[in-house]
Amino acid sequence: MKLPENSVITQEKLADYVLKPGKSNDKSKFLALGGYFVENWQELGTDLRSLLQLDTEPAQDNEYGQFFEICGNLRNLKVKTIWLLERGTELPRFITLFPFP
């Protein structure tokens, strides 16, 4: 199964969360290895959107909705991305990503 090409990826999620240095669960250092920074958050969004061409695996289903995982490459980085199709909505949205061995 593939997620829709117009799945939701917000500037806030990229610039204010995954690319923003933090004290815990900091993903910005990992993403910097691929050349992704707050200043070029749009490039990360474009590259995340390219992962939507890959097959997804359904993950947890809970009170929020159905989660999905897509594993792939962003430039030279192997990642697992998490997407959520919230109950009552039509489009999944990007939640987060992790380094993937």
PDB file of N, CA and C in Angstrom:
ATOM      1  N   MET A   1       0.834  -1.171   0.000  1.00  0.00           N
ATOM      2  CA  MET A   1       0.000   0.000   0.000  1.00  0.00           C
ATOM      3  C   MET A   1       0.889   1.248   0.000  1.00  0.00           C
ATOM      4  N   LYS A   2       0.449   2.257  -0.689  1.00  0.00           N
ATOM      5  CA  LYS A   2       1.161   3.528  -0.724  1.00  0.00           C
ATOM      6  C   LYS A   2       0.271   4.614  -0.131  1.00  0.00           C
ATOM      7  N   LEU A   3       0.884   5.577   0.548  1.00  0.00           N
ATOM      8  CA  LEU A   3       0.140   6.714   1.061  1.00  0.00           C
ATOM      9  C   LEU A   3      -0.057   7.721  -0.068  1.00  0.00           C
ATOM     10  N   PRO A   4      -1.092   8.550   0.008  1.00  0.00           N
ATOM     11  CA  PRO A   4      -1.346   9.528  -1.059  1.00  0.00           C
ATOM     12  C   PRO A   4      -0.192  10.526  -1.211  1.00  0.00           C
ATOM     13  N   GLU A   5       0.048  10.930  -2.456  1.00  0.00           N
ATOM     14  CA  GLU A   5       1.122  11.890  -2.740  1.00  0.00           C
ATOM     15  C   GLU A   5       0.896  13.227  -2.061  1.00  0.00           C
ATOM     16  N   ASN A   6      -0.350  13.554  -1.763  1.00  0.00           N
ATOM     17  CA  ASN A   6      -0.645  14.828  -1.114  1.00  0.00           C
ATOM     18  C   ASN A   6      -0.810  14.688   0.402  1.00  0.00           C
ATOM     19  N   SER A   7      -0.170  13.659   0.992  1.00  0.00           N
ATOM     20  CA  SER A   7      -0.162  13.533   2.445  1.00  0.00           C
ATOM     21  C   SER A   7       0.427  14.806   3.048  1.00  0.00           C
ATOM     22  N   VAL A   8       0.033  15.105   4.265  1.00  0.00           N
ATOM     23  CA  VAL A   8       0.349  16.382   4.894  1.00  0.00           C
ATOM     24  C   VAL A   8       1.746  16.363   5.533  1.00  0.00           C
ATOM     25  N   ILE A   9       2.563  17.344   5.134  1.00  0.00           N
ATOM     26  CA  ILE A   9       3.880  17.574   5.740  1.00  0.00           C
ATOM     27  C   ILE A   9       3.928  19.068   6.046  1.00  0.00           C
ATOM     28  N   THR A  10       3.926  19.433   7.327  1.00  0.00           N
ATOM     29  CA  THR A  10       3.848  20.844   7.681  1.00  0.00           C
ATOM     30  C   THR A  10       5.217  21.456   7.959  1.00  0.00           C
ATOM     31  N   GLN A  11       5.314  22.750   7.707  1.00  0.00           N
ATOM     32  CA  GLN A  11       6.529  23.497   8.025  1.00  0.00           C
ATOM     33  C   GLN A  11       6.813  23.408   9.519  1.00  0.00           C
ATOM     34  N   GLU A  12       5.783  23.504  10.329  1.00  0.00           N
ATOM     35  CA  GLU A  12       5.974  23.455  11.779  1.00  0.00           C
ATOM     36  C   GLU A  12       6.603  22.137  12.212  1.00  0.00           C
ATOM     37  N   LYS A  13       6.155  21.045  11.622  1.00  0.00           N
ATOM     38  CA  LYS A  13       6.697  19.732  12.000  1.00  0.00           C
ATOM     39  C   LYS A  13       8.169  19.623  11.607  1.00  0.00           C
ATOM     40  N   LEU A  14       8.525  20.186  10.464  1.00  0.00           N
ATOM     41  CA  LEU A  14       9.908  20.090  10.009  1.00  0.00           C
ATOM     42  C   LEU A  14      10.801  21.127  10.686  1.00  0.00           C
ATOM     43  N   ALA A  15      10.472  22.403  10.539  1.00  0.00           N
ATOM     44  CA  ALA A  15      11.340  23.478  11.035  1.00  0.00           C
ATOM     45  C   ALA A  15      11.328  23.593  12.555  1.00  0.00           C
ATOM     46  N   ASP A  16      10.180  23.335  13.168  1.00  0.00           N
ATOM     47  CA  ASP A  16      10.069  23.534  14.616  1.00  0.00           C
ATOM     48  C   ASP A  16      10.175  22.249  15.423  1.00  0.00           C
ATOM     49  N   TYR A  17      10.355  21.115  14.756  1.00  0.00           N
ATOM     50  CA  TYR A  17      10.440  19.851  15.489  1.00  0.00           C
ATOM     51  C   TYR A  17      11.651  19.026  15.053  1.00  0.00           C
ATOM     52  N   VAL A  18      11.591  18.399  13.899  1.00  0.00           N
ATOM     53  CA  VAL A  18      12.671  17.468  13.553  1.00  0.00           C
ATOM     54  C   VAL A  18      13.988  18.154  13.220  1.00  0.00           C
ATOM     55  N   LEU A  19      13.958  19.389  12.747  1.00  0.00           N
ATOM     56  CA  LEU A  19      15.200  20.092  12.402  1.00  0.00           C
ATOM     57  C   LEU A  19      15.685  21.037  13.495  1.00  0.00           C
ATOM     58  N   LYS A  20      14.904  21.198  14.524  1.00  0.00           N
ATOM     59  CA  LYS A  20      15.251  22.126  15.603  1.00  0.00           C
ATOM     60  C   LYS A  20      16.047  21.382  16.673  1.00  0.00           C
ATOM     61  N   PRO A  21      17.256  21.866  16.994  1.00  0.00           N
ATOM     62  CA  PRO A  21      18.033  21.218  18.055  1.00  0.00           C
ATOM     63  C   PRO A  21      17.253  21.203  19.368  1.00  0.00           C
ATOM     64  N   GLY A  22      17.347  20.099  20.059  1.00  0.00           N
ATOM     65  CA  GLY A  22      16.628  19.957  21.326  1.00  0.00           C
ATOM     66  C   GLY A  22      17.445  19.188  22.334  1.00  0.00           C
ATOM     67  N   LYS A  23      16.996  19.229  23.576  1.00  0.00           N
ATOM     68  CA  LYS A  23      17.714  18.540  24.655  1.00  0.00           C
ATOM     69  C   LYS A  23      17.448  17.043  24.646  1.00  0.00           C
ATOM     70  N   SER A  24      16.247  16.657  24.244  1.00  0.00           N
ATOM     71  CA  SER A  24      15.935  15.230  24.200  1.00  0.00           C
ATOM     72  C   SER A  24      15.403  14.866  22.817  1.00  0.00           C
ATOM     73  N   ASN A  25      15.731  13.675  22.405  1.00  0.00           N
ATOM     74  CA  ASN A  25      15.235  13.160  21.118  1.00  0.00           C
ATOM     75  C   ASN A  25      15.610  14.079  19.953  1.00  0.00           C
ATOM     76  N   ASP A  26      16.835  14.594  19.966  1.00  0.00           N
ATOM     77  CA  ASP A  26      17.320  15.541  18.955  1.00  0.00           C
ATOM     78  C   ASP A  26      17.600  14.816  17.649  1.00  0.00           C
ATOM     79  N   LYS A  27      16.841  15.155  16.619  1.00  0.00           N
ATOM     80  CA  LYS A  27      17.022  14.565  15.297  1.00  0.00           C
ATOM     81  C   LYS A  27      17.838  15.480  14.388  1.00  0.00           C
ATOM     82  N   SER A  28      18.051  16.726  14.818  1.00  0.00           N
ATOM     83  CA  SER A  28      18.705  17.721  13.963  1.00  0.00           C
ATOM     84  C   SER A  28      20.144  17.344  13.620  1.00  0.00           C
ATOM     85  N   LYS A  29      20.871  16.758  14.553  1.00  0.00           N
ATOM     86  CA  LYS A  29      22.267  16.376  14.271  1.00  0.00           C
ATOM     87  C   LYS A  29      22.318  15.273  13.222  1.00  0.00           C
ATOM     88  N   PHE A  30      21.432  14.319  13.340  1.00  0.00           N
ATOM     89  CA  PHE A  30      21.356  13.238  12.363  1.00  0.00           C
ATOM     90  C   PHE A  30      21.002  13.790  10.981  1.00  0.00           C
ATOM     91  N   LEU A  31      19.997  14.651  10.918  1.00  0.00           N
ATOM     92  CA  LEU A  31      19.560  15.205   9.634  1.00  0.00           C
ATOM     93  C   LEU A  31      20.600  16.143   9.025  1.00  0.00           C
ATOM     94  N   ALA A  32      21.405  16.787   9.853  1.00  0.00           N
ATOM     95  CA  ALA A  32      22.479  17.653   9.344  1.00  0.00           C
ATOM     96  C   ALA A  32      23.487  16.847   8.532  1.00  0.00           C
ATOM     97  N   LEU A  33      23.644  15.562   8.842  1.00  0.00           N
ATOM     98  CA  LEU A  33      24.558  14.707   8.078  1.00  0.00           C
ATOM     99  C   LEU A  33      24.113  14.580   6.623  1.00  0.00           C
ATOM    100  N   GLY A  34      22.834  14.795   6.365  1.00  0.00           N
ATOM    101  CA  GLY A  34      22.295  14.757   5.009  1.00  0.00           C
ATOM    102  C   GLY A  34      22.142  16.138   4.396  1.00  0.00           C
ATOM    103  N   GLY A  35      22.581  17.170   5.133  1.00  0.00           N
ATOM    104  CA  GLY A  35      22.491  18.529   4.614  1.00  0.00           C
ATOM    105  C   GLY A  35      21.159  19.206   4.881  1.00  0.00           C
ATOM    106  N   TYR A  36      20.404  18.682   5.830  1.00  0.00           N
ATOM    107  CA  TYR A  36      19.103  19.261   6.172  1.00  0.00           C
ATOM    108  C   TYR A  36      19.246  20.158   7.398  1.00  0.00           C
ATOM    109  N   PHE A  37      18.750  21.388   7.275  1.00  0.00           N
ATOM    110  CA  PHE A  37      18.812  22.363   8.352  1.00  0.00           C
ATOM    111  C   PHE A  37      17.503  23.144   8.381  1.00  0.00           C
ATOM    112  N   VAL A  38      17.257  23.873   9.467  1.00  0.00           N
ATOM    113  CA  VAL A  38      16.038  24.679   9.586  1.00  0.00           C
ATOM    114  C   VAL A  38      15.914  25.605   8.377  1.00  0.00           C
ATOM    115  N   GLU A  39      17.036  26.159   7.928  1.00  0.00           N
ATOM    116  CA  GLU A  39      17.016  27.130   6.832  1.00  0.00           C
ATOM    117  C   GLU A  39      16.549  26.523   5.502  1.00  0.00           C
ATOM    118  N   ASN A  40      16.701  25.225   5.338  1.00  0.00           N
ATOM    119  CA  ASN A  40      16.275  24.585   4.088  1.00  0.00           C
ATOM    120  C   ASN A  40      15.248  23.477   4.351  1.00  0.00           C
ATOM    121  N   TRP A  41      14.349  23.745   5.286  1.00  0.00           N
ATOM    122  CA  TRP A  41      13.358  22.748   5.677  1.00  0.00           C
ATOM    123  C   TRP A  41      12.538  22.252   4.487  1.00  0.00           C
ATOM    124  N   GLN A  42      12.372  23.098   3.461  1.00  0.00           N
ATOM    125  CA  GLN A  42      11.585  22.701   2.291  1.00  0.00           C
ATOM    126  C   GLN A  42      12.219  21.509   1.570  1.00  0.00           C
ATOM    127  N   GLU A  43      13.553  21.450   1.561  1.00  0.00           N
ATOM    128  CA  GLU A  43      14.236  20.322   0.913  1.00  0.00           C
ATOM    129  C   GLU A  43      13.912  19.018   1.624  1.00  0.00           C
ATOM    130  N   LEU A  44      13.869  19.050   2.941  1.00  0.00           N
ATOM    131  CA  LEU A  44      13.486  17.846   3.686  1.00  0.00           C
ATOM    132  C   LEU A  44      12.050  17.466   3.338  1.00  0.00           C
ATOM    133  N   GLY A  45      11.169  18.441   3.250  1.00  0.00           N
ATOM    134  CA  GLY A  45       9.785  18.153   2.884  1.00  0.00           C
ATOM    135  C   GLY A  45       9.670  17.507   1.516  1.00  0.00           C
ATOM    136  N   THR A  46      10.414  18.023   0.562  1.00  0.00           N
ATOM    137  CA  THR A  46      10.410  17.454  -0.791  1.00  0.00           C
ATOM    138  C   THR A  46      10.922  16.023  -0.776  1.00  0.00           C
ATOM    139  N   ASP A  47      12.006  15.792  -0.043  1.00  0.00           N
ATOM    140  CA  ASP A  47      12.580  14.445   0.001  1.00  0.00           C
ATOM    141  C   ASP A  47      11.678  13.474   0.768  1.00  0.00           C
ATOM    142  N   LEU A  48      11.018  13.945   1.816  1.00  0.00           N
ATOM    143  CA  LEU A  48      10.050  13.091   2.512  1.00  0.00           C
ATOM    144  C   LEU A  48       8.907  12.708   1.584  1.00  0.00           C
ATOM    145  N   ARG A  49       8.460  13.653   0.792  1.00  0.00           N
ATOM    146  CA  ARG A  49       7.366  13.382  -0.144  1.00  0.00           C
ATOM    147  C   ARG A  49       7.766  12.294  -1.147  1.00  0.00           C
ATOM    148  N   SER A  50       9.047  12.232  -1.513  1.00  0.00           N
ATOM    149  CA  SER A  50       9.498  11.189  -2.448  1.00  0.00           C
ATOM    150  C   SER A  50       9.354   9.796  -1.836  1.00  0.00           C
ATOM    151  N   LEU A  51       9.388   9.702  -0.508  1.00  0.00           N
ATOM    152  CA  LEU A  51       9.214   8.395   0.140  1.00  0.00           C
ATOM    153  C   LEU A  51       7.796   7.863  -0.011  1.00  0.00           C
ATOM    154  N   LEU A  52       6.852   8.729  -0.333  1.00  0.00           N
ATOM    155  CA  LEU A  52       5.465   8.299  -0.485  1.00  0.00           C
ATOM    156  C   LEU A  52       5.274   7.380  -1.690  1.00  0.00           C
ATOM    157  N   GLN A  53       6.292   7.275  -2.533  1.00  0.00           N
ATOM    158  CA  GLN A  53       6.243   6.350  -3.669  1.00  0.00           C
ATOM    159  C   GLN A  53       6.533   4.909  -3.227  1.00  0.00           C
ATOM    160  N   LEU A  54       7.042   4.759  -2.000  1.00  0.00           N
ATOM    161  CA  LEU A  54       7.389   3.438  -1.472  1.00  0.00           C
ATOM    162  C   LEU A  54       6.199   2.815  -0.758  1.00  0.00           C
ATOM    163  N   ASP A  55       6.229   1.506  -0.650  1.00  0.00           N
ATOM    164  CA  ASP A  55       5.188   0.804   0.087  1.00  0.00           C
ATOM    165  C   ASP A  55       5.301   1.123   1.569  1.00  0.00           C
ATOM    166  N   THR A  56       4.163   1.168   2.221  1.00  0.00           N
ATOM    167  CA  THR A  56       4.111   1.442   3.649  1.00  0.00           C
ATOM    168  C   THR A  56       3.658   0.197   4.398  1.00  0.00           C
ATOM    169  N   GLU A  57       4.018   0.165   5.654  1.00  0.00           N
ATOM    170  CA  GLU A  57       3.572  -0.913   6.528  1.00  0.00           C
ATOM    171  C   GLU A  57       2.640  -0.330   7.581  1.00  0.00           C
ATOM    172  N   PRO A  58       1.432  -0.878   7.717  1.00  0.00           N
ATOM    173  CA  PRO A  58       0.576  -0.413   8.813  1.00  0.00           C
ATOM    174  C   PRO A  58       1.265  -0.714  10.142  1.00  0.00           C
ATOM    175  N   ALA A  59       1.169   0.218  11.061  1.00  0.00           N
ATOM    176  CA  ALA A  59       1.748   0.029  12.388  1.00  0.00           C
ATOM    177  C   ALA A  59       0.607   0.067  13.398  1.00  0.00           C
ATOM    178  N   GLN A  60       0.810   0.740  14.472  1.00  0.00           N
ATOM    179  CA  GLN A  60      -0.171   0.811  15.548  1.00  0.00           C
ATOM    180  C   GLN A  60      -1.475   1.463  15.094  1.00  0.00           C
ATOM    181  N   ASP A  61      -2.557   0.952  15.615  1.00  0.00           N
ATOM    182  CA  ASP A  61      -3.883   1.550  15.432  1.00  0.00           C
ATOM    183  C   ASP A  61      -4.400   1.832  16.838  1.00  0.00           C
ATOM    184  N   ASN A  62      -4.678   3.106  17.144  1.00  0.00           N
ATOM    185  CA  ASN A  62      -5.150   3.437  18.481  1.00  0.00           C
ATOM    186  C   ASN A  62      -6.247   4.486  18.411  1.00  0.00           C
ATOM    187  N   GLU A  63      -6.519   5.141  19.529  1.00  0.00           N
ATOM    188  CA  GLU A  63      -7.612   6.109  19.574  1.00  0.00           C
ATOM    189  C   GLU A  63      -7.383   7.315  18.673  1.00  0.00           C
ATOM    190  N   TYR A  64      -6.118   7.578  18.286  1.00  0.00           N
ATOM    191  CA  TYR A  64      -5.811   8.700  17.401  1.00  0.00           C
ATOM    192  C   TYR A  64      -6.053   8.361  15.936  1.00  0.00           C
ATOM    193  N   GLY A  65      -5.855   7.099  15.583  1.00  0.00           N
ATOM    194  CA  GLY A  65      -6.013   6.675  14.204  1.00  0.00           C
ATOM    195  C   GLY A  65      -5.039   5.575  13.844  1.00  0.00           C
ATOM    196  N   GLN A  66      -4.802   5.422  12.549  1.00  0.00           N
ATOM    197  CA  GLN A  66      -3.905   4.379  12.031  1.00  0.00           C
ATOM    198  C   GLN A  66      -2.537   4.986  11.720  1.00  0.00           C
ATOM    199  N   PHE A  67      -1.502   4.410  12.309  1.00  0.00           N
ATOM    200  CA  PHE A  67      -0.135   4.822  12.032  1.00  0.00           C
ATOM    201  C   PHE A  67       0.439   3.949  10.922  1.00  0.00           C
ATOM    202  N   PHE A  68       1.361   4.535  10.158  1.00  0.00           N
ATOM    203  CA  PHE A  68       2.048   3.825   9.082  1.00  0.00           C
ATOM    204  C   PHE A  68       3.532   4.127   9.168  1.00  0.00           C
ATOM    205  N   GLU A  69       4.339   3.181   8.696  1.00  0.00           N
ATOM    206  CA  GLU A  69       5.788   3.358   8.646  1.00  0.00           C
ATOM    207  C   GLU A  69       6.258   3.229   7.203  1.00  0.00           C
ATOM    208  N   ILE A  70       7.159   4.115   6.820  1.00  0.00           N
ATOM    209  CA  ILE A  70       7.836   3.995   5.524  1.00  0.00           C
ATOM    210  C   ILE A  70       9.328   4.084   5.804  1.00  0.00           C
ATOM    211  N   CYS A  71      10.066   3.081   5.344  1.00  0.00           N
ATOM    212  CA  CYS A  71      11.520   3.080   5.487  1.00  0.00           C
ATOM    213  C   CYS A  71      12.136   3.367   4.128  1.00  0.00           C
ATOM    214  N   GLY A  72      13.157   4.218   4.123  1.00  0.00           N
ATOM    215  CA  GLY A  72      13.804   4.560   2.869  1.00  0.00           C
ATOM    216  C   GLY A  72      15.018   5.433   3.089  1.00  0.00           C
ATOM    217  N   ASN A  73      15.490   6.029   2.024  1.00  0.00           N
ATOM    218  CA  ASN A  73      16.687   6.860   2.076  1.00  0.00           C
ATOM    219  C   ASN A  73      16.349   8.313   1.791  1.00  0.00           C
ATOM    220  N   LEU A  74      16.892   9.186   2.612  1.00  0.00           N
ATOM    221  CA  LEU A  74      16.867  10.627   2.383  1.00  0.00           C
ATOM    222  C   LEU A  74      18.313  11.029   2.167  1.00  0.00           C
ATOM    223  N   ARG A  75      18.658  11.272   0.916  1.00  0.00           N
ATOM    224  CA  ARG A  75      20.047  11.533   0.538  1.00  0.00           C
ATOM    225  C   ARG A  75      20.879  10.346   1.003  1.00  0.00           C
ATOM    226  N   ASN A  76      21.798  10.519   1.914  1.00  0.00           N
ATOM    227  CA  ASN A  76      22.633   9.393   2.349  1.00  0.00           C
ATOM    228  C   ASN A  76      22.175   8.824   3.689  1.00  0.00           C
ATOM    229  N   LEU A  77      20.984   9.158   4.126  1.00  0.00           N
ATOM    230  CA  LEU A  77      20.484   8.738   5.432  1.00  0.00           C
ATOM    231  C   LEU A  77      19.380   7.693   5.293  1.00  0.00           C
ATOM    232  N   LYS A  78      19.527   6.601   6.021  1.00  0.00           N
ATOM    233  CA  LYS A  78      18.458   5.601   6.074  1.00  0.00           C
ATOM    234  C   LYS A  78      17.523   5.990   7.212  1.00  0.00           C
ATOM    235  N   VAL A  79      16.233   6.079   6.898  1.00  0.00           N
ATOM    236  CA  VAL A  79      15.261   6.531   7.894  1.00  0.00           C
ATOM    237  C   VAL A  79      14.020   5.656   7.926  1.00  0.00           C
ATOM    238  N   LYS A  80      13.375   5.684   9.064  1.00  0.00           N
ATOM    239  CA  LYS A  80      12.027   5.142   9.215  1.00  0.00           C
ATOM    240  C   LYS A  80      11.151   6.348   9.511  1.00  0.00           C
ATOM    241  N   THR A  81      10.134   6.557   8.690  1.00  0.00           N
ATOM    242  CA  THR A  81       9.222   7.673   8.896  1.00  0.00           C
ATOM    243  C   THR A  81       7.900   7.147   9.433  1.00  0.00           C
ATOM    244  N   ILE A  82       7.266   7.967  10.259  1.00  0.00           N
ATOM    245  CA  ILE A  82       5.983   7.615  10.862  1.00  0.00           C
ATOM    246  C   ILE A  82       4.940   8.612  10.367  1.00  0.00           C
ATOM    247  N   TRP A  83       3.815   8.082   9.943  1.00  0.00           N
ATOM    248  CA  TRP A  83       2.706   8.871   9.412  1.00  0.00           C
ATOM    249  C   TRP A  83       1.443   8.456  10.158  1.00  0.00           C
ATOM    250  N   LEU A  84       0.492   9.376  10.289  1.00  0.00           N
ATOM    251  CA  LEU A  84      -0.757   9.087  10.991  1.00  0.00           C
ATOM    252  C   LEU A  84      -1.949   9.508  10.147  1.00  0.00           C
ATOM    253  N   LEU A  85      -2.856   8.579   9.969  1.00  0.00           N
ATOM    254  CA  LEU A  85      -4.157   8.888   9.382  1.00  0.00           C
ATOM    255  C   LEU A  85      -5.118   8.992  10.559  1.00  0.00           C
ATOM    256  N   GLU A  86      -5.387  10.250  10.974  1.00  0.00           N
ATOM    257  CA  GLU A  86      -6.243  10.468  12.128  1.00  0.00           C
ATOM    258  C   GLU A  86      -7.681  10.100  11.815  1.00  0.00           C
ATOM    259  N   ARG A  87      -8.365   9.631  12.824  1.00  0.00           N
ATOM    260  CA  ARG A  87      -9.775   9.288  12.662  1.00  0.00           C
ATOM    261  C   ARG A  87     -10.542  10.521  12.200  1.00  0.00           C
ATOM    262  N   GLY A  88     -11.384  10.351  11.202  1.00  0.00           N
ATOM    263  CA  GLY A  88     -12.200  11.452  10.701  1.00  0.00           C
ATOM    264  C   GLY A  88     -11.502  12.337   9.692  1.00  0.00           C
ATOM    265  N   THR A  89     -10.270  11.993   9.303  1.00  0.00           N
ATOM    266  CA  THR A  89      -9.565  12.775   8.290  1.00  0.00           C
ATOM    267  C   THR A  89      -9.328  11.913   7.057  1.00  0.00           C
ATOM    268  N   GLU A  90      -8.971  12.566   5.958  1.00  0.00           N
ATOM    269  CA  GLU A  90      -8.784  11.843   4.708  1.00  0.00           C
ATOM    270  C   GLU A  90      -7.323  11.652   4.326  1.00  0.00           C
ATOM    271  N   LEU A  91      -6.436  12.514   4.849  1.00  0.00           N
ATOM    272  CA  LEU A  91      -5.039  12.450   4.450  1.00  0.00           C
ATOM    273  C   LEU A  91      -4.127  12.152   5.630  1.00  0.00           C
ATOM    274  N   PRO A  92      -3.185  11.240   5.460  1.00  0.00           N
ATOM    275  CA  PRO A  92      -2.194  11.002   6.511  1.00  0.00           C
ATOM    276  C   PRO A  92      -1.289  12.221   6.654  1.00  0.00           C
ATOM    277  N   ARG A  93      -0.701  12.367   7.845  1.00  0.00           N
ATOM    278  CA  ARG A  93       0.255  13.445   8.044  1.00  0.00           C
ATOM    279  C   ARG A  93       1.543  12.883   8.626  1.00  0.00           C
ATOM    280  N   PHE A  94       2.635  13.544   8.259  1.00  0.00           N
ATOM    281  CA  PHE A  94       3.949  13.165   8.755  1.00  0.00           C
ATOM    282  C   PHE A  94       4.025  13.459  10.251  1.00  0.00           C
ATOM    283  N   ILE A  95       4.533  12.474  11.017  1.00  0.00           N
ATOM    284  CA  ILE A  95       4.663  12.622  12.463  1.00  0.00           C
ATOM    285  C   ILE A  95       6.120  12.804  12.867  1.00  0.00           C
ATOM    286  N   THR A  96       6.981  11.877  12.459  1.00  0.00           N
ATOM    287  CA  THR A  96       8.385  11.949  12.850  1.00  0.00           C
ATOM    288  C   THR A  96       9.208  10.978  12.006  1.00  0.00           C
ATOM    289  N   LEU A  97      10.509  10.993  12.270  1.00  0.00           N
ATOM    290  CA  LEU A  97      11.408  10.033  11.611  1.00  0.00           C
ATOM    291  C   LEU A  97      12.498   9.621  12.584  1.00  0.00           C
ATOM    292  N   PHE A  98      13.122   8.489  12.295  1.00  0.00           N
ATOM    293  CA  PHE A  98      14.196   7.941  13.107  1.00  0.00           C
ATOM    294  C   PHE A  98      15.289   7.400  12.188  1.00  0.00           C
ATOM    295  N   PRO A  99      16.538   7.401  12.660  1.00  0.00           N
ATOM    296  CA  PRO A  99      17.566   6.672  11.903  1.00  0.00           C
ATOM    297  C   PRO A  99      17.160   5.208  11.832  1.00  0.00           C
ATOM    298  N   PHE A 100      17.446   4.571  10.720  1.00  0.00           N
ATOM    299  CA  PHE A 100      17.069   3.189  10.498  1.00  0.00           C
ATOM    300  C   PHE A 100      18.311   2.427  10.029  1.00  0.00           C
ATOM    301  N   PRO A 101      18.651   1.375  10.743  1.00  0.00           N
ATOM    302  CA  PRO A 101      19.891   0.647  10.373  1.00  0.00           C
ATOM    303  C   PRO A 101      19.832  -0.020   9.016  1.00  0.00           C
TER     304      PRO A 101
END
